[in-house]
């Protein structure tokens, strides 16, 4: 947030070294382009003389995902096979070590 100059108090966590670093670099490392410009909306990072790279994209649409793996059926099958053995072993241990 402070890299985007969106933090309320920029000097809140500043040390002497970071103050010197800030004076050396007058350009912010992270920025958001102006509306209506050539760049698409998002957060960009400056890296020296290279072109800025987008690290976070802004969008109006909610993301949509497709299932890539059949995780839940396999997980439920494995749990159905293994749960009773582990449960009864833990229950026997709990009864054996209970306080009387």
N, C-alpha and C. Protein backbone atom coordinates (compact mmCIF):
# COMPACT_ATOMS: atom_id res chain seq x y z
N UNK A 1 0.82 -1.19 0.00
CA UNK A 1 0.00 0.00 0.00
C UNK A 1 0.87 1.26 0.00
N UNK A 2 1.95 1.24 0.77
CA UNK A 2 2.78 2.43 0.78
C UNK A 2 3.51 2.61 -0.54
N UNK A 3 3.81 1.50 -1.24
CA UNK A 3 4.44 1.61 -2.56
C UNK A 3 3.54 2.28 -3.57
N UNK A 4 2.24 2.15 -3.39
CA UNK A 4 1.27 2.81 -4.27
C UNK A 4 0.91 4.20 -3.78
N UNK A 5 1.49 4.59 -2.68
CA UNK A 5 1.19 5.87 -2.03
C UNK A 5 -0.28 5.92 -1.59
N UNK A 6 -0.82 4.75 -1.21
CA UNK A 6 -2.21 4.66 -0.77
C UNK A 6 -2.31 4.57 0.74
N UNK A 7 -1.18 4.58 1.43
CA UNK A 7 -1.18 4.49 2.89
C UNK A 7 -1.33 5.89 3.47
N UNK A 8 -2.06 5.99 4.59
CA UNK A 8 -2.32 7.29 5.19
C UNK A 8 -1.08 8.00 5.68
N UNK A 9 -0.20 7.29 6.41
CA UNK A 9 0.99 7.90 6.99
C UNK A 9 2.22 7.25 6.38
N UNK A 10 2.83 7.89 5.41
CA UNK A 10 3.96 7.31 4.69
C UNK A 10 5.19 7.14 5.57
N UNK A 11 5.35 7.94 6.62
CA UNK A 11 6.53 7.87 7.47
C UNK A 11 6.30 7.01 8.71
N UNK A 12 5.23 6.28 8.77
CA UNK A 12 4.88 5.52 9.97
C UNK A 12 5.95 4.50 10.34
N UNK A 13 6.44 3.72 9.40
CA UNK A 13 7.42 2.68 9.69
C UNK A 13 8.79 3.01 9.10
N UNK A 14 9.08 4.27 8.96
CA UNK A 14 10.30 4.68 8.29
C UNK A 14 11.48 4.68 9.26
N UNK A 15 12.61 4.14 8.80
CA UNK A 15 13.85 4.19 9.56
C UNK A 15 14.77 5.20 8.89
N UNK A 16 15.93 5.44 9.47
CA UNK A 16 16.87 6.38 8.86
C UNK A 16 17.32 5.89 7.49
N UNK A 17 17.58 4.57 7.38
CA UNK A 17 18.04 4.02 6.11
C UNK A 17 16.96 4.13 5.04
N UNK A 18 15.71 3.84 5.41
CA UNK A 18 14.65 3.90 4.40
C UNK A 18 14.40 5.35 3.99
N UNK A 19 14.62 6.30 4.88
CA UNK A 19 14.48 7.71 4.52
C UNK A 19 15.51 8.12 3.49
N UNK A 20 16.76 7.64 3.66
CA UNK A 20 17.81 7.94 2.68
C UNK A 20 17.49 7.30 1.34
N UNK A 21 16.99 6.05 1.37
CA UNK A 21 16.64 5.35 0.15
C UNK A 21 15.55 6.10 -0.60
N UNK A 22 14.59 6.62 0.15
CA UNK A 22 13.47 7.34 -0.47
C UNK A 22 13.96 8.62 -1.15
N UNK A 23 14.91 9.31 -0.53
CA UNK A 23 15.44 10.54 -1.13
C UNK A 23 16.21 10.23 -2.41
N UNK A 24 16.87 9.06 -2.47
CA UNK A 24 17.61 8.69 -3.67
C UNK A 24 16.68 8.39 -4.84
N UNK A 25 15.55 7.80 -4.55
CA UNK A 25 14.63 7.41 -5.61
C UNK A 25 13.37 8.25 -5.52
N UNK A 26 13.18 9.13 -6.48
CA UNK A 26 12.00 9.99 -6.45
C UNK A 26 10.81 9.34 -7.16
N UNK A 27 11.04 8.18 -7.81
CA UNK A 27 9.98 7.51 -8.57
C UNK A 27 9.46 6.33 -7.75
N UNK A 28 8.14 6.22 -7.68
CA UNK A 28 7.55 5.11 -6.94
C UNK A 28 7.81 3.80 -7.67
N UNK A 29 8.00 2.71 -6.92
CA UNK A 29 8.26 1.41 -7.52
C UNK A 29 6.99 0.80 -8.09
N UNK A 30 5.86 1.00 -7.43
CA UNK A 30 4.58 0.47 -7.88
C UNK A 30 3.67 1.63 -8.26
N UNK A 31 2.83 1.42 -9.27
CA UNK A 31 1.92 2.49 -9.66
C UNK A 31 0.70 1.91 -10.35
N UNK A 32 -0.35 2.72 -10.44
CA UNK A 32 -1.54 2.38 -11.22
C UNK A 32 -1.65 3.41 -12.34
N UNK A 33 -1.91 2.97 -13.56
CA UNK A 33 -1.98 3.93 -14.68
C UNK A 33 -3.24 4.79 -14.59
N UNK A 34 -3.18 5.92 -15.21
CA UNK A 34 -4.34 6.82 -15.25
C UNK A 34 -5.44 6.23 -16.12
N UNK A 35 -6.68 6.53 -15.77
CA UNK A 35 -7.83 6.05 -16.54
C UNK A 35 -7.79 6.64 -17.94
N UNK A 36 -8.11 5.84 -18.93
CA UNK A 36 -8.13 6.29 -20.31
C UNK A 36 -6.79 6.24 -21.00
N UNK A 37 -5.77 5.77 -20.32
CA UNK A 37 -4.44 5.68 -20.93
C UNK A 37 -4.29 4.42 -21.76
N UNK A 38 -3.07 4.19 -22.26
CA UNK A 38 -2.81 3.02 -23.10
C UNK A 38 -2.72 1.73 -22.29
N UNK A 39 -2.35 1.84 -21.03
CA UNK A 39 -2.17 0.65 -20.19
C UNK A 39 -3.51 0.19 -19.63
N UNK A 40 -3.68 -1.13 -19.51
CA UNK A 40 -4.90 -1.68 -18.94
C UNK A 40 -4.90 -1.48 -17.42
N UNK A 41 -6.06 -1.38 -16.81
CA UNK A 41 -6.12 -1.12 -15.37
C UNK A 41 -5.46 -2.23 -14.55
N UNK A 42 -4.72 -1.83 -13.52
CA UNK A 42 -4.05 -2.78 -12.65
C UNK A 42 -2.95 -2.10 -11.86
N UNK A 43 -2.14 -2.90 -11.20
CA UNK A 43 -0.98 -2.42 -10.45
C UNK A 43 0.25 -2.88 -11.21
N UNK A 44 1.14 -1.95 -11.49
CA UNK A 44 2.36 -2.22 -12.24
C UNK A 44 3.57 -2.00 -11.35
N UNK A 45 4.68 -2.68 -11.71
CA UNK A 45 5.94 -2.52 -10.99
C UNK A 45 6.99 -2.00 -11.95
N UNK A 46 7.73 -0.99 -11.52
CA UNK A 46 8.85 -0.48 -12.32
C UNK A 46 10.10 -1.25 -11.92
N UNK A 47 10.86 -1.67 -12.93
CA UNK A 47 12.13 -2.36 -12.68
C UNK A 47 13.21 -1.70 -13.51
N UNK A 48 13.82 -0.68 -12.98
CA UNK A 48 14.89 0.01 -13.68
C UNK A 48 14.41 0.62 -14.99
N UNK A 49 15.15 0.35 -16.07
CA UNK A 49 14.81 0.92 -17.37
C UNK A 49 13.90 0.01 -18.19
N UNK A 50 13.59 -1.18 -17.66
CA UNK A 50 12.71 -2.10 -18.38
C UNK A 50 11.29 -1.57 -18.39
N UNK A 51 10.50 -2.10 -19.31
CA UNK A 51 9.08 -1.72 -19.36
C UNK A 51 8.39 -2.21 -18.09
N UNK A 52 7.46 -1.43 -17.56
CA UNK A 52 6.76 -1.86 -16.34
C UNK A 52 6.02 -3.17 -16.56
N UNK A 53 5.98 -4.00 -15.52
CA UNK A 53 5.26 -5.27 -15.64
C UNK A 53 4.03 -5.24 -14.73
N UNK A 54 2.93 -5.79 -15.24
CA UNK A 54 1.69 -5.82 -14.48
C UNK A 54 1.77 -6.95 -13.45
N UNK A 55 1.49 -6.63 -12.20
CA UNK A 55 1.53 -7.66 -11.16
C UNK A 55 0.15 -7.93 -10.58
N UNK A 56 -0.83 -7.08 -10.89
CA UNK A 56 -2.19 -7.27 -10.38
C UNK A 56 -3.15 -6.62 -11.37
N UNK A 57 -4.15 -7.38 -11.84
CA UNK A 57 -5.09 -6.86 -12.83
C UNK A 57 -6.41 -6.49 -12.18
N UNK A 58 -6.98 -5.38 -12.60
CA UNK A 58 -8.32 -4.97 -12.15
C UNK A 58 -9.33 -5.43 -13.20
N UNK A 59 -10.49 -5.91 -12.74
CA UNK A 59 -11.53 -6.34 -13.66
C UNK A 59 -12.89 -6.11 -13.03
N UNK A 60 -13.91 -5.99 -13.89
CA UNK A 60 -15.28 -5.81 -13.41
C UNK A 60 -16.01 -7.14 -13.29
N UNK A 61 -15.48 -8.18 -13.88
CA UNK A 61 -16.15 -9.47 -13.91
C UNK A 61 -15.67 -10.38 -12.79
N UNK A 62 -16.57 -11.22 -12.30
CA UNK A 62 -16.19 -12.22 -11.31
C UNK A 62 -15.51 -13.38 -12.02
N UNK A 63 -14.50 -13.99 -11.41
CA UNK A 63 -13.82 -15.09 -12.07
C UNK A 63 -14.72 -16.32 -12.17
N UNK A 64 -14.51 -17.10 -13.21
CA UNK A 64 -15.23 -18.36 -13.37
C UNK A 64 -14.18 -19.47 -13.47
N UNK A 65 -14.45 -20.57 -12.82
CA UNK A 65 -13.50 -21.68 -12.80
C UNK A 65 -14.17 -22.95 -13.25
N UNK A 66 -13.40 -23.84 -13.83
CA UNK A 66 -13.87 -25.17 -14.18
C UNK A 66 -13.12 -26.17 -13.32
N UNK A 67 -13.78 -27.27 -12.97
CA UNK A 67 -13.12 -28.30 -12.17
C UNK A 67 -12.01 -28.93 -13.01
N UNK A 68 -10.82 -28.97 -12.44
CA UNK A 68 -9.68 -29.54 -13.15
C UNK A 68 -9.42 -30.98 -12.69
N UNK A 69 -9.71 -31.27 -11.42
CA UNK A 69 -9.43 -32.58 -10.86
C UNK A 69 -10.68 -33.13 -10.18
N UNK A 70 -10.84 -34.42 -10.19
CA UNK A 70 -11.94 -35.06 -9.49
C UNK A 70 -11.50 -35.34 -8.05
N UNK A 71 -11.32 -34.27 -7.30
CA UNK A 71 -10.74 -34.35 -5.96
C UNK A 71 -11.72 -34.93 -4.94
N UNK A 72 -12.93 -34.41 -4.89
CA UNK A 72 -13.86 -34.80 -3.83
C UNK A 72 -14.30 -36.26 -3.90
N UNK A 73 -14.63 -36.83 -5.04
CA UNK A 73 -14.98 -38.25 -5.05
C UNK A 73 -13.84 -39.15 -4.57
N UNK A 74 -12.61 -38.84 -4.98
CA UNK A 74 -11.47 -39.65 -4.54
C UNK A 74 -11.21 -39.46 -3.05
N UNK A 75 -11.33 -38.23 -2.56
CA UNK A 75 -11.12 -37.96 -1.15
C UNK A 75 -12.17 -38.68 -0.30
N UNK A 76 -13.43 -38.62 -0.70
CA UNK A 76 -14.49 -39.27 0.06
C UNK A 76 -14.32 -40.78 0.06
N UNK A 77 -13.88 -41.36 -1.04
CA UNK A 77 -13.65 -42.81 -1.09
C UNK A 77 -12.52 -43.22 -0.15
N UNK A 78 -11.42 -42.44 -0.16
CA UNK A 78 -10.29 -42.76 0.71
C UNK A 78 -10.68 -42.58 2.17
N UNK A 79 -11.43 -41.54 2.48
CA UNK A 79 -11.86 -41.31 3.87
C UNK A 79 -12.79 -42.42 4.32
N UNK A 80 -13.69 -42.88 3.45
CA UNK A 80 -14.60 -43.97 3.80
C UNK A 80 -13.86 -45.26 4.11
N UNK A 81 -12.75 -45.51 3.43
CA UNK A 81 -11.96 -46.72 3.68
C UNK A 81 -11.13 -46.60 4.94
N UNK A 82 -10.53 -45.45 5.18
CA UNK A 82 -9.54 -45.30 6.25
C UNK A 82 -10.11 -44.78 7.57
N UNK A 83 -11.19 -44.04 7.53
CA UNK A 83 -11.69 -43.40 8.74
C UNK A 83 -12.04 -44.38 9.86
N UNK A 84 -12.79 -45.46 9.59
CA UNK A 84 -13.17 -46.34 10.71
C UNK A 84 -11.96 -46.90 11.46
N UNK A 85 -10.94 -47.34 10.74
CA UNK A 85 -9.75 -47.91 11.39
C UNK A 85 -9.07 -46.87 12.27
N UNK A 86 -8.86 -45.66 11.75
CA UNK A 86 -8.20 -44.60 12.52
C UNK A 86 -9.06 -44.15 13.69
N UNK A 87 -10.35 -44.05 13.47
CA UNK A 87 -11.24 -43.58 14.53
C UNK A 87 -11.24 -44.56 15.70
N UNK A 88 -11.39 -45.84 15.43
CA UNK A 88 -11.47 -46.82 16.53
C UNK A 88 -10.12 -46.99 17.22
N UNK A 89 -9.03 -46.84 16.49
CA UNK A 89 -7.71 -46.88 17.12
C UNK A 89 -7.55 -45.69 18.08
N UNK A 90 -7.95 -44.49 17.64
CA UNK A 90 -7.85 -43.30 18.49
C UNK A 90 -8.80 -43.39 19.68
N UNK A 91 -9.99 -43.96 19.47
CA UNK A 91 -10.94 -44.12 20.57
C UNK A 91 -10.40 -45.09 21.62
N UNK A 92 -9.81 -46.20 21.20
CA UNK A 92 -9.22 -47.16 22.13
C UNK A 92 -8.09 -46.51 22.92
N UNK A 93 -7.27 -45.69 22.26
CA UNK A 93 -6.18 -45.00 22.95
C UNK A 93 -6.73 -44.01 23.95
N UNK A 94 -7.80 -43.31 23.61
CA UNK A 94 -8.41 -42.33 24.52
C UNK A 94 -8.95 -43.03 25.77
N UNK A 95 -9.61 -44.19 25.59
CA UNK A 95 -10.11 -44.92 26.76
C UNK A 95 -8.97 -45.47 27.60
N UNK A 96 -7.89 -45.91 26.96
CA UNK A 96 -6.76 -46.50 27.69
C UNK A 96 -6.00 -45.45 28.50
N UNK A 97 -6.00 -44.21 28.05
CA UNK A 97 -5.21 -43.16 28.73
C UNK A 97 -6.09 -42.18 29.50
N UNK A 98 -7.36 -42.50 29.69
CA UNK A 98 -8.24 -41.56 30.38
C UNK A 98 -7.90 -41.48 31.86
N UNK A 99 -8.29 -40.40 32.49
CA UNK A 99 -8.09 -40.23 33.93
C UNK A 99 -9.23 -40.93 34.65
N UNK A 100 -8.91 -41.50 35.78
CA UNK A 100 -9.93 -42.23 36.56
C UNK A 100 -10.18 -41.55 37.86
